Amino acid sequence: ALEAVYHTVMDKRLNIDASTQQVKQEIINEFYTEGA
């Protein structure tokens, strides 16, 4: 189930720089709303 949520959140960000705090926060926010 974790793998499915991970790909739901991250596959759309394959070409996005995830090193900034803002992007990391957006990613964690989405993991949270997806129920991870």
All heavy atoms as atom14 arrays in JSON, in Angstrom:
{
  "sequence": "ALEAVYHTVMDKRLNIDASTQQVKQEIINEFYTEGA",
  "atom14_mask": [
    [1, 1, 1, 1, 1, 0, 0, 0, 0, 0, 0, 0, 0, 0],
    [1, 1, 1, 1, 1, 1, 1, 1, 0, 0, 0, 0, 0, 0],
    [1, 1, 1, 1, 1, 1, 1, 1, 1, 0, 0, 0, 0, 0],
    [1, 1, 1, 1, 1, 0, 0, 0, 0, 0, 0, 0, 0, 0],
    [1, 1, 1, 1, 1, 1, 1, 0, 0, 0, 0, 0, 0, 0],
    [1, 1, 1, 1, 1, 1, 1, 1, 1, 1, 1, 1, 0, 0],
    [1, 1, 1, 1, 1, 1, 1, 1, 1, 1, 0, 0, 0, 0],
    [1, 1, 1, 1, 1, 1, 1, 0, 0, 0, 0, 0, 0, 0],
    [1, 1, 1, 1, 1, 1, 1, 0, 0, 0, 0, 0, 0, 0],
    [1, 1, 1, 1, 1, 1, 1, 1, 0, 0, 0, 0, 0, 0],
    [1, 1, 1, 1, 1, 1, 1, 1, 0, 0, 0, 0, 0, 0],
    [1, 1, 1, 1, 1, 1, 1, 1, 1, 0, 0, 0, 0, 0],
    [1, 1, 1, 1, 1, 1, 1, 1, 1, 1, 1, 0, 0, 0],
    [1, 1, 1, 1, 1, 1, 1, 1, 0, 0, 0, 0, 0, 0],
    [1, 1, 1, 1, 1, 1, 1, 1, 0, 0, 0, 0, 0, 0],
    [1, 1, 1, 1, 1, 1, 1, 1, 0, 0, 0, 0, 0, 0],
    [1, 1, 1, 1, 1, 1, 1, 1, 0, 0, 0, 0, 0, 0],
    [1, 1, 1, 1, 1, 0, 0, 0, 0, 0, 0, 0, 0, 0],
    [1, 1, 1, 1, 1, 1, 0, 0, 0, 0, 0, 0, 0, 0],
    [1, 1, 1, 1, 1, 1, 1, 0, 0, 0, 0, 0, 0, 0],
    [1, 1, 1, 1, 1, 1, 1, 1, 1, 0, 0, 0, 0, 0],
    [1, 1, 1, 1, 1, 1, 1, 1, 1, 0, 0, 0, 0, 0],
    [1, 1, 1, 1, 1, 1, 1, 0, 0, 0, 0, 0, 0, 0],
    [1, 1, 1, 1, 1, 1, 1, 1, 1, 0, 0, 0, 0, 0],
    [1, 1, 1, 1, 1, 1, 1, 1, 1, 0, 0, 0, 0, 0],
    [1, 1, 1, 1, 1, 1, 1, 1, 1, 0, 0, 0, 0, 0],
    [1, 1, 1, 1, 1, 1, 1, 1, 0, 0, 0, 0, 0, 0],
    [1, 1, 1, 1, 1, 1, 1, 1, 0, 0, 0, 0, 0, 0],
    [1, 1, 1, 1, 1, 1, 1, 1, 0, 0, 0, 0, 0, 0],
    [1, 1, 1, 1, 1, 1, 1, 1, 1, 0, 0, 0, 0, 0],
    [1, 1, 1, 1, 1, 1, 1, 1, 1, 1, 1, 0, 0, 0],
    [1, 1, 1, 1, 1, 1, 1, 1, 1, 1, 1, 1, 0, 0],
    [1, 1, 1, 1, 1, 1, 1, 0, 0, 0, 0, 0, 0, 0],
    [1, 1, 1, 1, 1, 1, 1, 1, 1, 0, 0, 0, 0, 0],
    [1, 1, 1, 1, 0, 0, 0, 0, 0, 0, 0, 0, 0, 0],
    [1, 1, 1, 1, 1, 0, 0, 0, 0, 0, 0, 0, 0, 0]
  ],
  "atom14_positions": [
    [[0.84, -1.19, 0.0], [0.0, 0.0, 0.0], [0.87, 1.25, 0.0], [0.57, 2.25, -0.67], [-0.92, -0.02, 1.23], [0.0, 0.0, 0.0], [0.0, 0.0, 0.0], [0.0, 0.0, 0.0], [0.0, 0.0, 0.0], [0.0, 0.0, 0.0], [0.0, 0.0, 0.0], [0.0, 0.0, 0.0], [0.0, 0.0, 0.0], [0.0, 0.0, 0.0]],
    [[1.97, 1.23, 0.75], [2.89, 2.37, 0.78], [3.49, 2.64, -0.59], [3.61, 3.79, -1.02], [4.01, 2.11, 1.79], [3.77, 2.62, 3.21], [4.88, 2.13, 4.13], [3.68, 4.13, 3.25], [0.0, 0.0, 0.0], [0.0, 0.0, 0.0], [0.0, 0.0, 0.0], [0.0, 0.0, 0.0], [0.0, 0.0, 0.0], [0.0, 0.0, 0.0]],
    [[3.84, 1.57, -1.28], [4.41, 1.72, -2.62], [3.43, 2.38, -3.57], [3.78, 3.26, -4.36], [4.83, 0.35, -3.16], [5.52, 0.38, -4.5], [5.89, -1.01, -5.0], [5.7, -1.99, -4.25], [6.37, -1.11, -6.14], [0.0, 0.0, 0.0], [0.0, 0.0, 0.0], [0.0, 0.0, 0.0], [0.0, 0.0, 0.0], [0.0, 0.0, 0.0]],
    [[2.15, 1.99, -3.46], [1.12, 2.56, -4.33], [0.96, 4.05, -4.06], [0.87, 4.86, -4.99], [-0.21, 1.84, -4.11], [0.0, 0.0, 0.0], [0.0, 0.0, 0.0], [0.0, 0.0, 0.0], [0.0, 0.0, 0.0], [0.0, 0.0, 0.0], [0.0, 0.0, 0.0], [0.0, 0.0, 0.0], [0.0, 0.0, 0.0], [0.0, 0.0, 0.0]],
    [[0.93, 4.44, -2.78], [0.8, 5.86, -2.45], [2.04, 6.63, -2.88], [1.95, 7.75, -3.39], [0.56, 6.05, -0.93], [0.48, 7.53, -0.6], [-0.72, 5.37, -0.5], [0.0, 0.0, 0.0], [0.0, 0.0, 0.0], [0.0, 0.0, 0.0], [0.0, 0.0, 0.0], [0.0, 0.0, 0.0], [0.0, 0.0, 0.0], [0.0, 0.0, 0.0]],
    [[3.2, 6.03, -2.68], [4.45, 6.7, -3.06], [4.44, 7.06, -4.55], [4.75, 8.19, -4.93], [5.65, 5.8, -2.75], [6.97, 6.41, -3.18], [7.6, 7.37, -2.4], [7.57, 6.04, -4.39], [8.8, 7.96, -2.8], [8.76, 6.62, -4.8], [9.37, 7.57, -4.0], [10.55, 8.15, -4.41], [0.0, 0.0, 0.0], [0.0, 0.0, 0.0]],
    [[4.04, 6.1, -5.39], [4.02, 6.38, -6.83], [2.92, 7.38, -7.19], [3.09, 8.19, -8.1], [3.85, 5.08, -7.61], [5.1, 4.25, -7.63], [6.25, 4.64, -8.25], [5.38, 3.04, -7.06], [7.19, 3.73, -8.1], [6.69, 2.75, -7.37], [0.0, 0.0, 0.0], [0.0, 0.0, 0.0], [0.0, 0.0, 0.0], [0.0, 0.0, 0.0]],
    [[1.8, 7.34, -6.47], [0.74, 8.32, -6.71], [1.26, 9.74, -6.5], [0.97, 10.65, -7.29], [-0.44, 8.08, -5.74], [-0.99, 6.79, -6.0], [-1.54, 9.12, -5.94], [0.0, 0.0, 0.0], [0.0, 0.0, 0.0], [0.0, 0.0, 0.0], [0.0, 0.0, 0.0], [0.0, 0.0, 0.0], [0.0, 0.0, 0.0], [0.0, 0.0, 0.0]],
    [[2.05, 9.93, -5.45], [2.55, 11.26, -5.12], [3.75, 11.65, -5.96], [3.85, 12.78, -6.43], [2.92, 11.32, -3.62], [3.59, 12.64, -3.26], [1.67, 11.12, -2.76], [0.0, 0.0, 0.0], [0.0, 0.0, 0.0], [0.0, 0.0, 0.0], [0.0, 0.0, 0.0], [0.0, 0.0, 0.0], [0.0, 0.0, 0.0], [0.0, 0.0, 0.0]],
    [[4.68, 10.71, -6.16], [5.98, 11.08, -6.73], [6.08, 10.96, -8.25], [6.9, 11.65, -8.86], [7.07, 10.22, -6.08], [7.21, 10.44, -4.57], [7.51, 12.18, -4.1], [9.1, 12.46, -4.87], [0.0, 0.0, 0.0], [0.0, 0.0, 0.0], [0.0, 0.0, 0.0], [0.0, 0.0, 0.0], [0.0, 0.0, 0.0], [0.0, 0.0, 0.0]],
    [[5.29, 10.1, -8.88], [5.43, 9.93, -10.32], [5.17, 11.21, -11.1], [5.75, 11.43, -12.16], [4.5, 8.81, -10.83], [5.04, 7.42, -10.52], [6.14, 7.34, -9.94], [4.35, 6.43, -10.83], [0.0, 0.0, 0.0], [0.0, 0.0, 0.0], [0.0, 0.0, 0.0], [0.0, 0.0, 0.0], [0.0, 0.0, 0.0], [0.0, 0.0, 0.0]],
    [[4.31, 12.07, -10.56], [4.03, 13.34, -11.22], [5.14, 14.37, -11.01], [5.11, 15.45, -11.58], [2.69, 13.9, -10.73], [2.67, 14.31, -9.29], [1.29, 14.79, -8.85], [0.51, 13.68, -8.22], [-0.75, 14.15, -7.59], [0.0, 0.0, 0.0], [0.0, 0.0, 0.0], [0.0, 0.0, 0.0], [0.0, 0.0, 0.0], [0.0, 0.0, 0.0]],
    [[6.12, 14.02, -10.16], [7.2, 14.95, -9.83], [8.56, 14.43, -10.3], [9.59, 14.8, -9.76], [7.25, 15.16, -8.31], [6.05, 15.89, -7.74], [6.21, 16.09, -6.23], [5.25, 17.03, -5.7], [4.04, 16.72, -5.28], [3.65, 15.45, -5.33], [3.21, 17.64, -4.82], [0.0, 0.0, 0.0], [0.0, 0.0, 0.0], [0.0, 0.0, 0.0]],
    [[8.57, 13.6, -11.33], [9.81, 12.97, -11.78], [10.85, 13.99, -12.2], [12.05, 13.76, -12.03], [9.51, 12.01, -12.94], [8.69, 10.76, -12.58], [8.42, 9.93, -13.82], [9.44, 9.92, -11.54], [0.0, 0.0, 0.0], [0.0, 0.0, 0.0], [0.0, 0.0, 0.0], [0.0, 0.0, 0.0], [0.0, 0.0, 0.0], [0.0, 0.0, 0.0]],
    [[10.44, 15.11, -12.74], [11.39, 16.12, -13.22], [11.39, 17.38, -12.36], [11.78, 18.45, -12.82], [11.06, 16.48, -14.68], [11.19, 15.28, -15.6], [12.17, 14.55, -15.53], [10.19, 15.09, -16.46], [0.0, 0.0, 0.0], [0.0, 0.0, 0.0], [0.0, 0.0, 0.0], [0.0, 0.0, 0.0], [0.0, 0.0, 0.0], [0.0, 0.0, 0.0]],
    [[10.95, 17.24, -11.12], [10.9, 18.39, -10.22], [11.98, 18.26, -9.16], [12.19, 17.2, -8.58], [9.52, 18.48, -9.54], [8.44, 18.77, -10.61], [9.49, 19.58, -8.48], [7.04, 18.81, -10.06], [0.0, 0.0, 0.0], [0.0, 0.0, 0.0], [0.0, 0.0, 0.0], [0.0, 0.0, 0.0], [0.0, 0.0, 0.0], [0.0, 0.0, 0.0]],
    [[12.68, 19.36, -8.91], [13.71, 19.39, -7.88], [13.05, 19.34, -6.5], [12.34, 20.26, -6.11], [14.53, 20.68, -8.02], [15.64, 20.78, -6.97], [15.85, 19.8, -6.24], [16.28, 21.84, -6.91], [0.0, 0.0, 0.0], [0.0, 0.0, 0.0], [0.0, 0.0, 0.0], [0.0, 0.0, 0.0], [0.0, 0.0, 0.0], [0.0, 0.0, 0.0]],
    [[13.3, 18.25, -5.78], [12.65, 18.06, -4.47], [13.59, 18.4, -3.32], [13.4, 17.96, -2.19], [12.18, 16.62, -4.33], [0.0, 0.0, 0.0], [0.0, 0.0, 0.0], [0.0, 0.0, 0.0], [0.0, 0.0, 0.0], [0.0, 0.0, 0.0], [0.0, 0.0, 0.0], [0.0, 0.0, 0.0], [0.0, 0.0, 0.0], [0.0, 0.0, 0.0]],
    [[14.61, 19.22, -3.61], [15.61, 19.52, -2.58], [15.23, 20.72, -1.72], [15.8, 20.92, -0.64], [16.98, 19.76, -3.22], [16.95, 20.9, -4.06], [0.0, 0.0, 0.0], [0.0, 0.0, 0.0], [0.0, 0.0, 0.0], [0.0, 0.0, 0.0], [0.0, 0.0, 0.0], [0.0, 0.0, 0.0], [0.0, 0.0, 0.0], [0.0, 0.0, 0.0]],
    [[14.29, 21.55, -2.18], [13.93, 22.73, -1.41], [12.94, 22.4, -0.31], [12.18, 21.44, -0.41], [13.31, 23.81, -2.31], [12.03, 23.35, -2.79], [14.21, 24.11, -3.5], [0.0, 0.0, 0.0], [0.0, 0.0, 0.0], [0.0, 0.0, 0.0], [0.0, 0.0, 0.0], [0.0, 0.0, 0.0], [0.0, 0.0, 0.0], [0.0, 0.0, 0.0]],
    [[12.96, 23.19, 0.76], [12.06, 22.95, 1.88], [10.6, 23.06, 1.46], [9.75, 22.29, 1.91], [12.35, 23.94, 3.01], [13.65, 23.66, 3.74], [13.81, 24.53, 4.97], [12.99, 25.4, 5.24], [14.87, 24.29, 5.71], [0.0, 0.0, 0.0], [0.0, 0.0, 0.0], [0.0, 0.0, 0.0], [0.0, 0.0, 0.0], [0.0, 0.0, 0.0]],
    [[10.31, 24.01, 0.56], [8.93, 24.21, 0.12], [8.39, 22.98, -0.6], [7.28, 22.51, -0.33], [8.83, 25.43, -0.8], [7.4, 25.69, -1.3], [7.33, 26.89, -2.22], [8.23, 27.71, -2.27], [6.22, 27.0, -2.94], [0.0, 0.0, 0.0], [0.0, 0.0, 0.0], [0.0, 0.0, 0.0], [0.0, 0.0, 0.0], [0.0, 0.0, 0.0]],
    [[9.21, 22.43, -1.51], [8.77, 21.25, -2.27], [8.66, 20.05, -1.34], [7.7, 19.26, -1.44], [9.73, 20.96, -3.43], [9.34, 19.65, -4.12], [9.7, 22.1, -4.44], [0.0, 0.0, 0.0], [0.0, 0.0, 0.0], [0.0, 0.0, 0.0], [0.0, 0.0, 0.0], [0.0, 0.0, 0.0], [0.0, 0.0, 0.0], [0.0, 0.0, 0.0]],
    [[9.6, 19.88, -0.42], [9.53, 18.78, 0.52], [8.26, 18.86, 1.36], [7.6, 17.85, 1.61], [10.76, 18.79, 1.43], [12.04, 18.33, 0.74], [13.22, 18.38, 1.7], [14.5, 17.92, 1.01], [15.68, 18.02, 1.9], [0.0, 0.0, 0.0], [0.0, 0.0, 0.0], [0.0, 0.0, 0.0], [0.0, 0.0, 0.0], [0.0, 0.0, 0.0]],
    [[7.91, 20.1, 1.78], [6.69, 20.27, 2.56], [5.47, 19.91, 1.74], [4.54, 19.26, 2.22], [6.59, 21.71, 3.07], [5.42, 21.94, 4.03], [5.57, 21.15, 5.31], [6.51, 21.36, 6.06], [4.64, 20.23, 5.57], [0.0, 0.0, 0.0], [0.0, 0.0, 0.0], [0.0, 0.0, 0.0], [0.0, 0.0, 0.0], [0.0, 0.0, 0.0]],
    [[5.46, 20.33, 0.47], [4.33, 20.0, -0.41], [4.2, 18.49, -0.57], [3.08, 17.96, -0.59], [4.54, 20.65, -1.78], [4.41, 22.18, -1.76], [4.79, 22.79, -3.1], [5.22, 22.05, -4.01], [4.68, 24.03, -3.23], [0.0, 0.0, 0.0], [0.0, 0.0, 0.0], [0.0, 0.0, 0.0], [0.0, 0.0, 0.0], [0.0, 0.0, 0.0]],
    [[5.34, 17.79, -0.69], [5.32, 16.34, -0.85], [4.77, 15.66, 0.41], [3.9, 14.79, 0.34], [6.73, 15.82, -1.18], [7.13, 16.25, -2.59], [6.78, 14.29, -1.05], [8.58, 15.96, -2.94], [0.0, 0.0, 0.0], [0.0, 0.0, 0.0], [0.0, 0.0, 0.0], [0.0, 0.0, 0.0], [0.0, 0.0, 0.0], [0.0, 0.0, 0.0]],
    [[5.25, 16.08, 1.58], [4.77, 15.49, 2.83], [3.29, 15.82, 3.03], [2.51, 14.97, 3.5], [5.6, 15.99, 4.03], [7.06, 15.54, 3.89], [5.01, 15.47, 5.34], [7.26, 14.03, 3.82], [0.0, 0.0, 0.0], [0.0, 0.0, 0.0], [0.0, 0.0, 0.0], [0.0, 0.0, 0.0], [0.0, 0.0, 0.0], [0.0, 0.0, 0.0]],
    [[2.88, 17.02, 2.66], [1.46, 17.38, 2.73], [0.61, 16.41, 1.92], [-0.46, 15.96, 2.35], [1.23, 18.8, 2.21], [1.69, 19.88, 3.16], [2.24, 19.59, 4.22], [1.5, 21.13, 2.79], [0.0, 0.0, 0.0], [0.0, 0.0, 0.0], [0.0, 0.0, 0.0], [0.0, 0.0, 0.0], [0.0, 0.0, 0.0], [0.0, 0.0, 0.0]],
    [[1.09, 16.09, 0.71], [0.31, 15.21, -0.14], [0.32, 13.78, 0.38], [-0.7, 13.09, 0.33], [0.81, 15.25, -1.58], [-0.12, 14.52, -2.54], [0.14, 14.82, -4.0], [0.98, 15.69, -4.3], [-0.51, 14.18, -4.84], [0.0, 0.0, 0.0], [0.0, 0.0, 0.0], [0.0, 0.0, 0.0], [0.0, 0.0, 0.0], [0.0, 0.0, 0.0]],
    [[1.48, 13.32, 0.88], [1.52, 11.99, 1.51], [0.49, 11.93, 2.64], [-0.19, 10.92, 2.82], [2.91, 11.69, 2.06], [3.87, 11.13, 1.06], [5.11, 11.72, 0.85], [3.55, 10.0, 0.31], [6.0, 11.19, -0.07], [4.43, 9.48, -0.62], [5.67, 10.08, -0.81], [0.0, 0.0, 0.0], [0.0, 0.0, 0.0], [0.0, 0.0, 0.0]],
    [[0.39, 13.02, 3.38], [-0.56, 13.06, 4.5], [-2.0, 12.97, 4.02], [-2.8, 12.18, 4.52], [-0.34, 14.33, 5.32], [-1.28, 14.45, 6.5], [-1.18, 13.57, 7.58], [-2.27, 15.42, 6.52], [-2.05, 13.67, 8.65], [-3.14, 15.52, 7.59], [-3.02, 14.64, 8.65], [-3.88, 14.73, 9.72], [0.0, 0.0, 0.0], [0.0, 0.0, 0.0]],
    [[-2.35, 13.8, 3.02], [-3.74, 13.81, 2.54], [-4.09, 12.5, 1.84], [-5.26, 12.12, 1.79], [-4.0, 14.99, 1.59], [-3.09, 14.93, 0.48], [-3.81, 16.32, 2.32], [0.0, 0.0, 0.0], [0.0, 0.0, 0.0], [0.0, 0.0, 0.0], [0.0, 0.0, 0.0], [0.0, 0.0, 0.0], [0.0, 0.0, 0.0], [0.0, 0.0, 0.0]],
    [[-3.09, 11.81, 1.27], [-3.33, 10.52, 0.62], [-3.46, 9.38, 1.62], [-3.77, 8.25, 1.26], [-2.22, 10.2, -0.37], [-2.2, 11.08, -1.62], [-3.34, 10.78, -2.56], [-3.87, 9.66, -2.52], [-3.71, 11.67, -3.35], [0.0, 0.0, 0.0], [0.0, 0.0, 0.0], [0.0, 0.0, 0.0], [0.0, 0.0, 0.0], [0.0, 0.0, 0.0]],
    [[-3.18, 9.66, 2.9], [-3.35, 8.64, 3.94], [-2.13, 7.78, 4.19], [-2.22, 6.77, 4.89], [0.0, 0.0, 0.0], [0.0, 0.0, 0.0], [0.0, 0.0, 0.0], [0.0, 0.0, 0.0], [0.0, 0.0, 0.0], [0.0, 0.0, 0.0], [0.0, 0.0, 0.0], [0.0, 0.0, 0.0], [0.0, 0.0, 0.0], [0.0, 0.0, 0.0]],
    [[-0.96, 8.18, 3.66], [0.23, 7.35, 3.81], [0.6, 7.13, 5.27], [1.06, 6.04, 5.65], [1.42, 8.0, 3.08], [0.0, 0.0, 0.0], [0.0, 0.0, 0.0], [0.0, 0.0, 0.0], [0.0, 0.0, 0.0], [0.0, 0.0, 0.0], [0.0, 0.0, 0.0], [0.0, 0.0, 0.0], [0.0, 0.0, 0.0], [0.0, 0.0, 0.0]]
  ]
}
